[in-house]
N, C-alpha and C. Protein backbone atom coordinates (compact mmCIF):
# COMPACT_ATOMS: atom_id res chain seq x y z
N UNK A 1 -7.24 17.43 -9.06
CA UNK A 1 -6.63 16.80 -10.22
C UNK A 1 -6.15 17.86 -11.19
N UNK A 2 -4.97 17.64 -11.78
CA UNK A 2 -4.42 18.55 -12.77
C UNK A 2 -4.53 17.96 -14.18
N UNK A 3 -4.19 16.69 -14.32
CA UNK A 3 -4.30 16.02 -15.62
C UNK A 3 -4.44 14.52 -15.39
N UNK A 4 -5.31 13.88 -16.18
CA UNK A 4 -5.54 12.44 -16.07
C UNK A 4 -5.55 11.84 -17.46
N UNK A 5 -4.67 10.86 -17.69
CA UNK A 5 -4.58 10.19 -18.98
C UNK A 5 -4.78 8.70 -18.76
N UNK A 6 -6.04 8.25 -18.76
CA UNK A 6 -6.31 6.83 -18.46
C UNK A 6 -5.61 5.87 -19.41
N UNK A 7 -5.57 6.19 -20.71
CA UNK A 7 -4.96 5.27 -21.66
C UNK A 7 -3.45 5.13 -21.43
N UNK A 8 -2.83 6.24 -21.03
CA UNK A 8 -1.40 6.20 -20.73
C UNK A 8 -1.12 5.76 -19.29
N UNK A 9 -2.18 5.62 -18.50
CA UNK A 9 -2.08 5.24 -17.09
C UNK A 9 -1.22 6.23 -16.32
N UNK A 10 -1.51 7.52 -16.50
CA UNK A 10 -0.79 8.58 -15.82
C UNK A 10 -1.78 9.54 -15.17
N UNK A 11 -1.45 9.98 -13.97
CA UNK A 11 -2.28 10.94 -13.24
C UNK A 11 -1.38 12.01 -12.64
N UNK A 12 -1.69 13.27 -12.95
CA UNK A 12 -0.99 14.39 -12.32
C UNK A 12 -1.96 15.04 -11.34
N UNK A 13 -1.54 15.15 -10.08
CA UNK A 13 -2.45 15.59 -9.03
C UNK A 13 -1.69 16.38 -7.98
N UNK A 14 -2.41 17.24 -7.27
CA UNK A 14 -1.80 18.01 -6.20
C UNK A 14 -1.29 17.10 -5.08
N UNK A 15 -0.17 17.48 -4.51
CA UNK A 15 0.46 16.64 -3.49
C UNK A 15 -0.35 16.56 -2.21
N UNK A 16 -1.27 17.51 -1.99
CA UNK A 16 -2.09 17.49 -0.79
C UNK A 16 -3.27 16.53 -0.86
N UNK A 17 -3.54 15.98 -2.03
CA UNK A 17 -4.65 15.03 -2.17
C UNK A 17 -4.33 13.75 -1.42
N UNK A 18 -5.38 13.05 -0.99
CA UNK A 18 -5.19 11.77 -0.30
C UNK A 18 -5.25 10.63 -1.31
N UNK A 19 -4.73 9.49 -0.90
CA UNK A 19 -4.79 8.31 -1.79
C UNK A 19 -6.23 7.87 -2.01
N UNK A 20 -7.08 8.08 -1.02
CA UNK A 20 -8.49 7.73 -1.19
C UNK A 20 -9.09 8.54 -2.33
N UNK A 21 -8.76 9.83 -2.41
CA UNK A 21 -9.27 10.66 -3.50
C UNK A 21 -8.76 10.16 -4.85
N UNK A 22 -7.53 9.70 -4.88
CA UNK A 22 -6.99 9.13 -6.12
C UNK A 22 -7.76 7.87 -6.48
N UNK A 23 -7.99 7.01 -5.50
CA UNK A 23 -8.71 5.76 -5.76
C UNK A 23 -10.11 6.02 -6.30
N UNK A 24 -10.80 6.98 -5.70
CA UNK A 24 -12.15 7.29 -6.15
C UNK A 24 -12.15 7.81 -7.59
N UNK A 25 -11.10 8.51 -7.96
CA UNK A 25 -11.01 9.08 -9.31
C UNK A 25 -10.71 8.01 -10.36
N UNK A 26 -9.78 7.12 -10.07
CA UNK A 26 -9.30 6.19 -11.10
C UNK A 26 -10.05 4.87 -11.15
N UNK A 27 -10.75 4.50 -10.08
CA UNK A 27 -11.42 3.20 -10.04
C UNK A 27 -12.42 3.00 -11.18
N UNK A 28 -13.25 4.00 -11.54
CA UNK A 28 -14.20 3.78 -12.65
C UNK A 28 -13.52 3.47 -13.98
N UNK A 29 -12.23 3.73 -14.09
CA UNK A 29 -11.50 3.46 -15.33
C UNK A 29 -10.76 2.12 -15.28
N UNK A 30 -11.01 1.35 -14.23
CA UNK A 30 -10.36 0.04 -14.11
C UNK A 30 -8.89 0.14 -13.78
N UNK A 31 -8.50 1.23 -13.13
CA UNK A 31 -7.10 1.44 -12.78
C UNK A 31 -6.91 1.44 -11.27
N UNK A 32 -5.68 1.19 -10.84
CA UNK A 32 -5.36 1.21 -9.43
C UNK A 32 -4.04 1.93 -9.20
N UNK A 33 -3.82 2.30 -7.94
CA UNK A 33 -2.55 2.90 -7.55
C UNK A 33 -1.47 1.83 -7.63
N UNK A 34 -0.35 2.16 -8.26
CA UNK A 34 0.70 1.16 -8.47
C UNK A 34 1.45 0.84 -7.19
N UNK A 35 1.78 1.89 -6.39
CA UNK A 35 2.49 1.69 -5.12
C UNK A 35 1.98 2.71 -4.12
N UNK A 36 1.58 2.24 -2.94
CA UNK A 36 1.22 3.12 -1.83
C UNK A 36 1.27 2.29 -0.56
N UNK A 37 1.14 2.96 0.60
CA UNK A 37 1.11 2.25 1.86
C UNK A 37 -0.25 1.58 2.03
N UNK A 38 -0.42 0.84 3.12
CA UNK A 38 -1.63 0.03 3.29
C UNK A 38 -2.87 0.86 3.58
N UNK A 39 -2.72 2.11 4.01
CA UNK A 39 -3.87 2.94 4.36
C UNK A 39 -3.99 4.11 3.40
N UNK A 40 -5.24 4.48 3.09
CA UNK A 40 -5.48 5.45 2.02
C UNK A 40 -5.72 6.86 2.51
N UNK A 41 -5.58 7.12 3.82
CA UNK A 41 -5.86 8.46 4.31
C UNK A 41 -4.61 9.33 4.42
N UNK A 42 -3.47 8.84 3.95
CA UNK A 42 -2.26 9.65 3.89
C UNK A 42 -2.32 10.57 2.67
N UNK A 43 -1.60 11.70 2.75
CA UNK A 43 -1.48 12.55 1.57
C UNK A 43 -0.40 12.00 0.64
N UNK A 44 -0.51 12.33 -0.63
CA UNK A 44 0.48 11.87 -1.60
C UNK A 44 1.84 12.51 -1.30
N UNK A 45 1.82 13.81 -0.99
CA UNK A 45 3.06 14.49 -0.67
C UNK A 45 3.74 13.91 0.55
N UNK A 46 2.94 13.57 1.57
CA UNK A 46 3.51 12.96 2.77
C UNK A 46 4.13 11.61 2.48
N UNK A 47 3.48 10.83 1.63
CA UNK A 47 4.02 9.53 1.26
C UNK A 47 5.33 9.66 0.50
N UNK A 48 5.39 10.65 -0.40
CA UNK A 48 6.62 10.89 -1.15
C UNK A 48 7.75 11.31 -0.22
N UNK A 49 7.43 12.10 0.79
CA UNK A 49 8.47 12.64 1.66
C UNK A 49 9.19 11.56 2.46
N UNK A 50 8.53 10.41 2.64
CA UNK A 50 9.17 9.31 3.37
C UNK A 50 9.45 8.11 2.45
N UNK A 51 9.14 8.23 1.16
CA UNK A 51 9.37 7.17 0.17
C UNK A 51 8.75 5.85 0.64
N UNK A 52 7.43 5.87 0.87
CA UNK A 52 6.74 4.71 1.43
C UNK A 52 6.82 3.49 0.51
N UNK A 53 6.56 2.36 1.08
CA UNK A 53 6.35 1.13 0.32
C UNK A 53 5.02 0.56 0.77
N UNK A 54 4.60 -0.51 0.16
CA UNK A 54 3.34 -1.13 0.56
C UNK A 54 3.49 -2.64 0.55
N UNK A 55 2.39 -3.33 0.35
CA UNK A 55 2.41 -4.80 0.30
C UNK A 55 2.55 -5.30 -1.14
N UNK A 56 2.74 -4.37 -2.07
CA UNK A 56 2.84 -4.74 -3.48
C UNK A 56 4.07 -5.60 -3.70
N UNK A 57 3.85 -6.78 -4.22
CA UNK A 57 4.94 -7.75 -4.31
C UNK A 57 5.88 -7.38 -5.45
N UNK A 58 7.16 -7.17 -5.13
CA UNK A 58 8.18 -6.91 -6.13
C UNK A 58 8.20 -5.52 -6.70
N UNK A 59 7.37 -4.59 -6.18
CA UNK A 59 7.30 -3.25 -6.75
C UNK A 59 8.26 -2.25 -6.09
N UNK A 60 8.67 -2.50 -4.85
CA UNK A 60 9.59 -1.59 -4.19
C UNK A 60 8.90 -0.36 -3.65
N UNK A 61 9.67 0.72 -3.35
CA UNK A 61 9.10 1.94 -2.77
C UNK A 61 8.42 2.81 -3.81
N UNK A 62 7.74 3.84 -3.33
CA UNK A 62 6.90 4.68 -4.19
C UNK A 62 7.68 5.39 -5.28
N UNK A 63 8.96 5.64 -5.07
CA UNK A 63 9.75 6.36 -6.07
C UNK A 63 9.70 5.66 -7.44
N UNK A 64 9.49 4.35 -7.43
CA UNK A 64 9.48 3.59 -8.68
C UNK A 64 8.18 3.77 -9.47
N UNK A 65 7.21 4.48 -8.91
CA UNK A 65 5.96 4.71 -9.63
C UNK A 65 5.73 6.20 -9.92
N UNK A 66 6.74 7.01 -9.68
CA UNK A 66 6.61 8.46 -9.90
C UNK A 66 7.26 8.83 -11.23
N UNK A 67 6.46 9.43 -12.11
CA UNK A 67 6.96 9.87 -13.41
C UNK A 67 7.76 11.17 -13.27
N UNK A 68 7.21 12.12 -12.51
CA UNK A 68 7.89 13.38 -12.24
C UNK A 68 7.11 14.13 -11.17
N UNK A 69 7.70 15.19 -10.63
CA UNK A 69 6.98 16.07 -9.72
C UNK A 69 7.51 17.49 -9.82
N UNK A 70 6.69 18.43 -9.35
CA UNK A 70 7.11 19.81 -9.22
C UNK A 70 7.44 20.08 -7.76
N UNK A 71 8.50 20.83 -7.52
CA UNK A 71 8.91 21.13 -6.17
C UNK A 71 9.31 22.60 -6.08
N UNK A 72 8.91 23.26 -5.00
CA UNK A 72 9.30 24.65 -4.74
C UNK A 72 10.49 24.61 -3.79
N UNK A 73 11.62 25.13 -4.25
CA UNK A 73 12.84 25.10 -3.45
C UNK A 73 12.89 26.29 -2.49
N UNK A 74 13.90 26.31 -1.64
CA UNK A 74 13.99 27.33 -0.60
C UNK A 74 14.09 28.74 -1.15
N UNK A 75 14.65 28.89 -2.35
CA UNK A 75 14.77 30.22 -2.95
C UNK A 75 13.51 30.65 -3.69
N UNK A 76 12.47 29.81 -3.65
CA UNK A 76 11.21 30.14 -4.31
C UNK A 76 11.09 29.66 -5.73
N UNK A 77 12.16 29.10 -6.27
CA UNK A 77 12.11 28.60 -7.64
C UNK A 77 11.32 27.30 -7.73
N UNK A 78 10.62 27.13 -8.86
CA UNK A 78 9.82 25.92 -9.10
C UNK A 78 10.57 25.04 -10.09
N UNK A 79 10.81 23.81 -9.69
CA UNK A 79 11.62 22.89 -10.49
C UNK A 79 10.80 21.63 -10.79
N UNK A 80 10.90 21.17 -12.05
CA UNK A 80 10.34 19.87 -12.42
C UNK A 80 11.46 18.84 -12.32
N UNK A 81 11.22 17.79 -11.55
CA UNK A 81 12.25 16.77 -11.33
C UNK A 81 11.71 15.39 -11.70
N UNK A 82 12.56 14.57 -12.28
CA UNK A 82 12.20 13.22 -12.71
C UNK A 82 13.47 12.38 -12.74
N UNK A 83 13.35 11.08 -13.05
CA UNK A 83 14.56 10.26 -13.16
C UNK A 83 15.49 10.72 -14.28
N UNK A 84 14.99 11.53 -15.21
CA UNK A 84 15.81 12.01 -16.32
C UNK A 84 16.16 13.49 -16.22
N UNK A 85 15.37 14.27 -15.49
CA UNK A 85 15.55 15.71 -15.39
C UNK A 85 15.72 16.11 -13.94
N UNK A 86 16.78 16.86 -13.66
CA UNK A 86 17.10 17.26 -12.28
C UNK A 86 17.10 16.04 -11.35
N UNK A 87 17.89 15.06 -11.73
CA UNK A 87 17.90 13.80 -11.00
C UNK A 87 18.29 13.96 -9.53
N UNK A 88 19.24 14.85 -9.26
CA UNK A 88 19.69 15.00 -7.87
C UNK A 88 18.56 15.48 -6.98
N UNK A 89 17.73 16.38 -7.51
CA UNK A 89 16.58 16.86 -6.73
C UNK A 89 15.52 15.76 -6.62
N UNK A 90 15.30 15.03 -7.70
CA UNK A 90 14.29 13.97 -7.70
C UNK A 90 14.61 12.92 -6.63
N UNK A 91 15.83 12.42 -6.64
CA UNK A 91 16.18 11.36 -5.70
C UNK A 91 16.45 11.89 -4.29
N UNK A 92 16.75 13.18 -4.17
CA UNK A 92 16.95 13.76 -2.85
C UNK A 92 15.65 14.12 -2.16
N UNK A 93 14.65 14.54 -2.94
CA UNK A 93 13.39 15.00 -2.35
C UNK A 93 12.49 13.84 -1.95
N UNK A 94 12.47 12.77 -2.73
CA UNK A 94 11.66 11.61 -2.37
C UNK A 94 12.37 10.87 -1.24
N UNK A 95 11.72 10.84 -0.09
CA UNK A 95 12.37 10.30 1.10
C UNK A 95 13.18 11.35 1.83
N UNK A 96 13.07 12.61 1.42
CA UNK A 96 13.87 13.68 2.02
C UNK A 96 13.19 14.44 3.13
N UNK A 97 11.96 14.04 3.49
CA UNK A 97 11.21 14.66 4.61
C UNK A 97 11.07 16.17 4.46
N UNK A 98 10.96 16.66 3.22
CA UNK A 98 10.74 18.07 2.99
C UNK A 98 11.98 18.93 3.12
N UNK A 99 13.15 18.32 3.28
CA UNK A 99 14.36 19.08 3.49
C UNK A 99 14.82 19.90 2.29
N UNK A 100 14.49 19.44 1.08
CA UNK A 100 14.92 20.16 -0.12
C UNK A 100 13.88 21.17 -0.60
N UNK A 101 12.65 21.00 -0.22
CA UNK A 101 11.60 21.90 -0.67
C UNK A 101 10.23 21.27 -0.50
N UNK A 102 9.24 21.94 -1.05
CA UNK A 102 7.85 21.49 -0.93
C UNK A 102 7.37 20.95 -2.27
N UNK A 103 7.02 19.67 -2.31
CA UNK A 103 6.48 19.07 -3.52
C UNK A 103 5.03 19.53 -3.67
N UNK A 104 4.70 20.07 -4.83
CA UNK A 104 3.36 20.65 -5.02
C UNK A 104 2.47 19.81 -5.91
N UNK A 105 3.02 19.12 -6.89
CA UNK A 105 2.21 18.24 -7.74
C UNK A 105 3.05 17.08 -8.22
N UNK A 106 2.36 15.98 -8.49
CA UNK A 106 3.05 14.72 -8.78
C UNK A 106 2.36 14.03 -9.96
N UNK A 107 3.16 13.44 -10.83
CA UNK A 107 2.63 12.59 -11.89
C UNK A 107 2.92 11.14 -11.53
N UNK A 108 1.86 10.36 -11.33
CA UNK A 108 1.97 8.98 -10.88
C UNK A 108 1.71 8.01 -12.03
N UNK A 109 2.45 6.92 -12.04
CA UNK A 109 2.16 5.82 -12.96
C UNK A 109 1.14 4.90 -12.30
N UNK A 110 0.08 4.56 -13.02
CA UNK A 110 -0.98 3.71 -12.51
C UNK A 110 -0.86 2.31 -13.09
N UNK A 111 -1.73 1.41 -12.67
CA UNK A 111 -1.73 0.03 -13.16
C UNK A 111 -3.16 -0.45 -13.34
N UNK A 112 -3.32 -1.55 -14.05
CA UNK A 112 -4.64 -2.13 -14.28
C UNK A 112 -5.15 -2.79 -12.99
N UNK A 113 -6.43 -2.57 -12.71
CA UNK A 113 -7.06 -3.22 -11.57
C UNK A 113 -7.34 -4.68 -11.91
N UNK A 114 -7.14 -5.56 -10.95
CA UNK A 114 -7.37 -6.99 -11.16
C UNK A 114 -8.08 -7.58 -9.95
N UNK A 115 -8.66 -8.74 -10.13
CA UNK A 115 -9.28 -9.46 -9.01
C UNK A 115 -8.20 -10.23 -8.26
N UNK A 116 -8.27 -10.19 -6.93
CA UNK A 116 -7.31 -10.92 -6.12
C UNK A 116 -8.03 -11.77 -5.08
N UNK A 117 -7.41 -12.90 -4.75
CA UNK A 117 -7.92 -13.79 -3.71
C UNK A 117 -6.90 -13.88 -2.58
N UNK A 118 -7.38 -13.76 -1.36
CA UNK A 118 -6.48 -13.84 -0.20
C UNK A 118 -6.27 -15.28 0.21
N UNK A 119 -5.02 -15.68 0.30
CA UNK A 119 -4.66 -17.01 0.79
C UNK A 119 -3.64 -16.83 1.90
N UNK A 120 -3.58 -17.77 2.82
CA UNK A 120 -2.66 -17.61 3.95
C UNK A 120 -2.28 -18.95 4.54
N UNK A 121 -1.19 -18.95 5.29
CA UNK A 121 -0.74 -20.16 5.96
C UNK A 121 0.04 -19.77 7.20
N UNK A 122 -0.22 -20.47 8.32
CA UNK A 122 0.50 -20.24 9.57
C UNK A 122 1.62 -21.26 9.70
N UNK A 123 2.76 -20.79 10.18
CA UNK A 123 3.93 -21.69 10.28
C UNK A 123 4.86 -21.18 11.37
N UNK A 124 5.79 -22.03 11.83
CA UNK A 124 6.84 -21.53 12.72
C UNK A 124 7.65 -20.46 11.99
N UNK A 125 8.08 -19.45 12.70
CA UNK A 125 8.80 -18.36 12.05
C UNK A 125 10.11 -18.85 11.42
N UNK A 126 10.67 -19.92 11.96
CA UNK A 126 11.90 -20.48 11.41
C UNK A 126 11.69 -21.06 10.01
N UNK A 127 10.42 -21.34 9.65
CA UNK A 127 10.13 -21.92 8.35
C UNK A 127 9.75 -20.87 7.30
N UNK A 128 9.56 -19.62 7.74
CA UNK A 128 9.03 -18.61 6.82
C UNK A 128 9.95 -18.33 5.64
N UNK A 129 11.23 -18.18 5.88
CA UNK A 129 12.15 -17.86 4.78
C UNK A 129 12.11 -18.94 3.70
N UNK A 130 12.13 -20.19 4.12
CA UNK A 130 12.07 -21.29 3.15
C UNK A 130 10.75 -21.26 2.40
N UNK A 131 9.66 -21.05 3.13
CA UNK A 131 8.33 -21.01 2.50
C UNK A 131 8.25 -19.87 1.49
N UNK A 132 8.71 -18.68 1.90
CA UNK A 132 8.67 -17.53 1.00
C UNK A 132 9.51 -17.78 -0.25
N UNK A 133 10.70 -18.33 -0.08
CA UNK A 133 11.59 -18.57 -1.21
C UNK A 133 11.01 -19.58 -2.19
N UNK A 134 10.36 -20.60 -1.68
CA UNK A 134 9.87 -21.68 -2.53
C UNK A 134 8.49 -21.42 -3.11
N UNK A 135 7.64 -20.70 -2.38
CA UNK A 135 6.23 -20.60 -2.80
C UNK A 135 5.79 -19.18 -3.20
N UNK A 136 6.45 -18.17 -2.69
CA UNK A 136 5.98 -16.80 -2.93
C UNK A 136 6.85 -16.05 -3.94
N UNK A 137 8.15 -16.11 -3.76
CA UNK A 137 9.06 -15.30 -4.57
C UNK A 137 8.88 -15.53 -6.06
N UNK A 138 8.61 -16.74 -6.47
CA UNK A 138 8.47 -17.06 -7.89
C UNK A 138 7.02 -17.09 -8.36
N UNK A 139 6.09 -16.72 -7.49
CA UNK A 139 4.67 -16.78 -7.83
C UNK A 139 4.28 -15.56 -8.66
N UNK A 140 4.05 -15.76 -9.93
CA UNK A 140 3.71 -14.65 -10.83
C UNK A 140 2.32 -14.08 -10.57
N UNK A 141 1.49 -14.80 -9.83
CA UNK A 141 0.14 -14.30 -9.55
C UNK A 141 0.09 -13.46 -8.27
N UNK A 142 1.19 -13.44 -7.51
CA UNK A 142 1.19 -12.71 -6.24
C UNK A 142 1.19 -11.20 -6.49
N UNK A 143 0.17 -10.52 -5.97
CA UNK A 143 0.05 -9.07 -6.11
C UNK A 143 0.47 -8.36 -4.82
N UNK A 144 -0.05 -8.85 -3.68
CA UNK A 144 0.31 -8.29 -2.37
C UNK A 144 0.82 -9.42 -1.49
N UNK A 145 1.72 -9.08 -0.57
CA UNK A 145 2.18 -10.07 0.40
C UNK A 145 2.62 -9.38 1.68
N UNK A 146 2.30 -9.99 2.79
CA UNK A 146 2.83 -9.56 4.08
C UNK A 146 2.83 -10.74 5.03
N UNK A 147 3.50 -10.59 6.16
CA UNK A 147 3.56 -11.65 7.16
C UNK A 147 3.23 -11.06 8.52
N UNK A 148 2.41 -11.76 9.29
CA UNK A 148 2.00 -11.33 10.62
C UNK A 148 2.75 -12.18 11.64
N UNK A 149 3.58 -11.55 12.46
CA UNK A 149 4.33 -12.26 13.49
C UNK A 149 3.57 -12.09 14.82
N UNK A 150 3.28 -13.22 15.46
CA UNK A 150 2.41 -13.17 16.64
C UNK A 150 3.20 -13.08 17.95
N UNK A 151 2.90 -12.04 18.76
CA UNK A 151 3.46 -11.97 20.11
C UNK A 151 2.67 -12.89 21.03
N UNK A 152 3.13 -13.17 22.26
CA UNK A 152 4.31 -12.56 22.86
C UNK A 152 5.62 -13.30 22.60
N UNK A 153 5.56 -14.53 22.08
CA UNK A 153 6.81 -15.29 21.91
C UNK A 153 7.42 -15.12 20.51
N UNK A 154 6.62 -14.60 19.56
CA UNK A 154 7.10 -14.32 18.19
C UNK A 154 7.68 -15.57 17.51
N UNK A 155 7.05 -16.70 17.77
CA UNK A 155 7.52 -17.95 17.17
C UNK A 155 6.63 -18.42 16.03
N UNK A 156 5.44 -17.81 15.89
CA UNK A 156 4.51 -18.16 14.82
C UNK A 156 4.34 -16.99 13.87
N UNK A 157 4.20 -17.28 12.59
CA UNK A 157 4.00 -16.23 11.59
C UNK A 157 2.91 -16.68 10.63
N UNK A 158 2.09 -15.72 10.21
CA UNK A 158 1.06 -16.01 9.22
C UNK A 158 1.47 -15.35 7.91
N UNK A 159 1.69 -16.14 6.90
CA UNK A 159 2.00 -15.63 5.56
C UNK A 159 0.69 -15.32 4.85
N UNK A 160 0.54 -14.07 4.37
CA UNK A 160 -0.70 -13.63 3.72
C UNK A 160 -0.38 -13.12 2.32
N UNK A 161 -0.99 -13.73 1.32
CA UNK A 161 -0.76 -13.35 -0.07
C UNK A 161 -2.08 -13.12 -0.77
N UNK A 162 -2.15 -12.04 -1.52
CA UNK A 162 -3.30 -11.78 -2.39
C UNK A 162 -2.88 -12.13 -3.82
N UNK A 163 -3.48 -13.19 -4.36
CA UNK A 163 -3.11 -13.69 -5.68
C UNK A 163 -4.11 -13.26 -6.73
N UNK A 164 -3.62 -12.94 -7.91
CA UNK A 164 -4.52 -12.62 -9.01
C UNK A 164 -5.33 -13.85 -9.37
N UNK A 165 -6.62 -13.64 -9.62
CA UNK A 165 -7.51 -14.76 -9.89
C UNK A 165 -8.59 -14.37 -10.89
N UNK A 166 -9.20 -15.39 -11.48
CA UNK A 166 -10.35 -15.17 -12.36
C UNK A 166 -11.64 -15.62 -11.69
N UNK A 167 -11.56 -16.00 -10.41
CA UNK A 167 -12.75 -16.43 -9.68
C UNK A 167 -13.69 -15.25 -9.47
N UNK A 168 -14.99 -15.52 -9.33
CA UNK A 168 -15.95 -14.43 -9.10
C UNK A 168 -15.70 -13.76 -7.75
N UNK A 169 -15.95 -12.46 -7.69
CA UNK A 169 -15.71 -11.72 -6.46
C UNK A 169 -16.70 -12.14 -5.37
N UNK A 170 -16.24 -12.12 -4.14
CA UNK A 170 -17.10 -12.38 -2.99
C UNK A 170 -17.34 -11.11 -2.18
N UNK A 171 -16.53 -10.07 -2.43
CA UNK A 171 -16.74 -8.76 -1.81
C UNK A 171 -17.06 -7.79 -2.94
N UNK A 172 -18.30 -7.38 -3.01
CA UNK A 172 -18.76 -6.61 -4.17
C UNK A 172 -18.25 -5.18 -4.18
N UNK A 173 -18.11 -4.56 -3.00
CA UNK A 173 -17.69 -3.15 -2.95
C UNK A 173 -16.24 -3.03 -3.41
N UNK A 174 -16.00 -2.11 -4.32
CA UNK A 174 -14.66 -1.94 -4.87
C UNK A 174 -13.79 -1.05 -3.97
N UNK A 175 -14.44 -0.15 -3.23
CA UNK A 175 -13.75 0.69 -2.25
C UNK A 175 -14.46 0.54 -0.91
N UNK A 176 -13.69 0.51 0.16
CA UNK A 176 -14.31 0.39 1.47
C UNK A 176 -15.15 1.62 1.77
N UNK A 177 -16.34 1.44 2.31
CA UNK A 177 -17.20 2.59 2.63
C UNK A 177 -16.51 3.51 3.64
N UNK A 178 -16.74 4.81 3.49
CA UNK A 178 -16.20 5.79 4.43
C UNK A 178 -17.13 5.88 5.63
N UNK A 179 -16.78 5.19 6.69
CA UNK A 179 -17.59 5.18 7.91
C UNK A 179 -16.69 5.44 9.11
N UNK A 180 -17.28 6.00 10.17
CA UNK A 180 -16.52 6.23 11.38
C UNK A 180 -16.25 4.90 12.08
N UNK A 181 -15.06 4.72 12.67
CA UNK A 181 -14.77 3.48 13.37
C UNK A 181 -15.70 3.28 14.55
N UNK A 182 -16.06 2.03 14.79
CA UNK A 182 -16.92 1.71 15.93
C UNK A 182 -16.12 1.77 17.23
N UNK A 183 -16.84 1.72 18.33
CA UNK A 183 -16.18 1.72 19.64
C UNK A 183 -15.23 0.53 19.76
N UNK A 184 -15.66 -0.63 19.29
CA UNK A 184 -14.83 -1.83 19.37
C UNK A 184 -13.57 -1.68 18.51
N UNK A 185 -13.69 -1.11 17.33
CA UNK A 185 -12.53 -0.92 16.47
C UNK A 185 -11.50 0.01 17.11
N UNK A 186 -11.98 1.00 17.84
CA UNK A 186 -11.07 1.91 18.53
C UNK A 186 -10.38 1.23 19.72
N UNK A 187 -11.12 0.37 20.41
CA UNK A 187 -10.58 -0.27 21.61
C UNK A 187 -9.72 -1.49 21.31
N UNK A 188 -9.92 -2.11 20.16
CA UNK A 188 -9.23 -3.37 19.86
C UNK A 188 -7.72 -3.29 19.98
N UNK A 189 -7.06 -2.27 19.41
CA UNK A 189 -5.59 -2.21 19.55
C UNK A 189 -5.14 -2.12 21.01
N UNK A 190 -5.90 -1.37 21.83
CA UNK A 190 -5.54 -1.24 23.23
C UNK A 190 -5.67 -2.57 23.96
N UNK A 191 -6.75 -3.29 23.67
CA UNK A 191 -6.98 -4.58 24.33
C UNK A 191 -5.88 -5.58 23.94
N UNK A 192 -5.55 -5.61 22.66
CA UNK A 192 -4.53 -6.55 22.18
C UNK A 192 -3.17 -6.25 22.81
N UNK A 193 -2.82 -4.96 22.90
CA UNK A 193 -1.49 -4.58 23.38
C UNK A 193 -1.35 -4.64 24.89
N UNK A 194 -2.46 -4.62 25.61
CA UNK A 194 -2.38 -4.42 27.06
C UNK A 194 -2.18 -5.70 27.87
N UNK A 195 -2.42 -6.88 27.27
CA UNK A 195 -2.36 -8.10 28.08
C UNK A 195 -2.10 -9.32 27.21
N UNK A 196 -1.70 -10.40 27.87
CA UNK A 196 -1.52 -11.67 27.18
C UNK A 196 -2.86 -12.19 26.65
N UNK A 197 -3.93 -11.92 27.42
CA UNK A 197 -5.27 -12.32 26.97
C UNK A 197 -5.62 -11.64 25.66
N UNK A 198 -5.29 -10.36 25.56
CA UNK A 198 -5.56 -9.63 24.33
C UNK A 198 -4.83 -10.22 23.14
N UNK A 199 -3.62 -10.65 23.35
CA UNK A 199 -2.84 -11.24 22.26
C UNK A 199 -3.43 -12.58 21.83
N UNK A 200 -3.92 -13.35 22.80
CA UNK A 200 -4.57 -14.62 22.46
C UNK A 200 -5.89 -14.35 21.74
N UNK A 201 -6.57 -13.29 22.14
CA UNK A 201 -7.82 -12.90 21.48
C UNK A 201 -7.55 -12.54 20.01
N UNK A 202 -6.44 -11.87 19.76
CA UNK A 202 -6.04 -11.52 18.39
C UNK A 202 -5.84 -12.79 17.57
N UNK A 203 -5.17 -13.78 18.13
CA UNK A 203 -4.95 -15.03 17.42
C UNK A 203 -6.28 -15.71 17.07
N UNK A 204 -7.21 -15.71 18.05
CA UNK A 204 -8.52 -16.32 17.81
C UNK A 204 -9.27 -15.57 16.72
N UNK A 205 -9.23 -14.25 16.76
CA UNK A 205 -9.88 -13.44 15.73
C UNK A 205 -9.31 -13.77 14.35
N UNK A 206 -7.99 -13.84 14.26
CA UNK A 206 -7.36 -14.13 12.97
C UNK A 206 -7.69 -15.54 12.50
N UNK A 207 -7.77 -16.49 13.42
CA UNK A 207 -8.11 -17.87 13.05
C UNK A 207 -9.46 -17.91 12.35
N UNK A 208 -10.42 -17.15 12.87
CA UNK A 208 -11.76 -17.12 12.27
C UNK A 208 -11.74 -16.34 10.96
N UNK A 209 -11.13 -15.15 10.99
CA UNK A 209 -11.16 -14.27 9.82
C UNK A 209 -10.41 -14.88 8.64
N UNK A 210 -9.25 -15.44 8.89
CA UNK A 210 -8.43 -15.96 7.79
C UNK A 210 -8.86 -17.34 7.31
N UNK A 211 -9.91 -17.89 7.93
CA UNK A 211 -10.48 -19.12 7.40
C UNK A 211 -11.16 -18.85 6.07
N UNK A 212 -11.55 -17.59 5.85
CA UNK A 212 -12.19 -17.22 4.59
C UNK A 212 -11.11 -16.94 3.53
N UNK A 213 -11.48 -17.12 2.27
CA UNK A 213 -10.59 -16.81 1.15
C UNK A 213 -11.31 -15.84 0.23
N UNK A 214 -11.47 -14.60 0.68
CA UNK A 214 -12.26 -13.64 -0.10
C UNK A 214 -11.61 -13.27 -1.43
N UNK A 215 -12.45 -12.97 -2.39
CA UNK A 215 -12.01 -12.48 -3.70
C UNK A 215 -12.56 -11.06 -3.84
N UNK A 216 -11.67 -10.12 -4.18
CA UNK A 216 -12.09 -8.72 -4.23
C UNK A 216 -11.46 -8.02 -5.42
């Protein structure tokens, strides 16, 4: 960490840090990462280099949460770039796969942490656009959203939304414990991908898991 301003919701940190390290730092202050991908073991610099997005509803790609960054260019010069300063470098380097230089530190805009409840609905894929337009797009409580399309025929989709709520939490841990994956967790993707049985097993697993409406 280089600088942390909880009241201003700003964090300046080395680009080699992981999102998990950011989460561990800001969580005690009731803050969360504004935009990141679904997994926390990526580096911040790596995420910037591809301009990642996440499940954050209406937030767009990571560039929209970056206040500024420092970058070392090919000639060795160090440049501070932002939407207002050195704009060409700022917009070229984010999503630039390291082609313009090496990003060394980043100032991120953070957001307030809130309680969310997972809700979902399965439907024919032909109905998803209408459902999303009518029920999700205008939902001011929607924080995260994604859709799971089920193989092998890709005719069913599960709409998954995490809505802001005031209900009591059902998952007490604020961050997932750092544990090694089990043998089953390692094998599950292979089993699902390798056969029609595996794909049906995935549907059964989701049917059981998504019957719950956890609050976290």
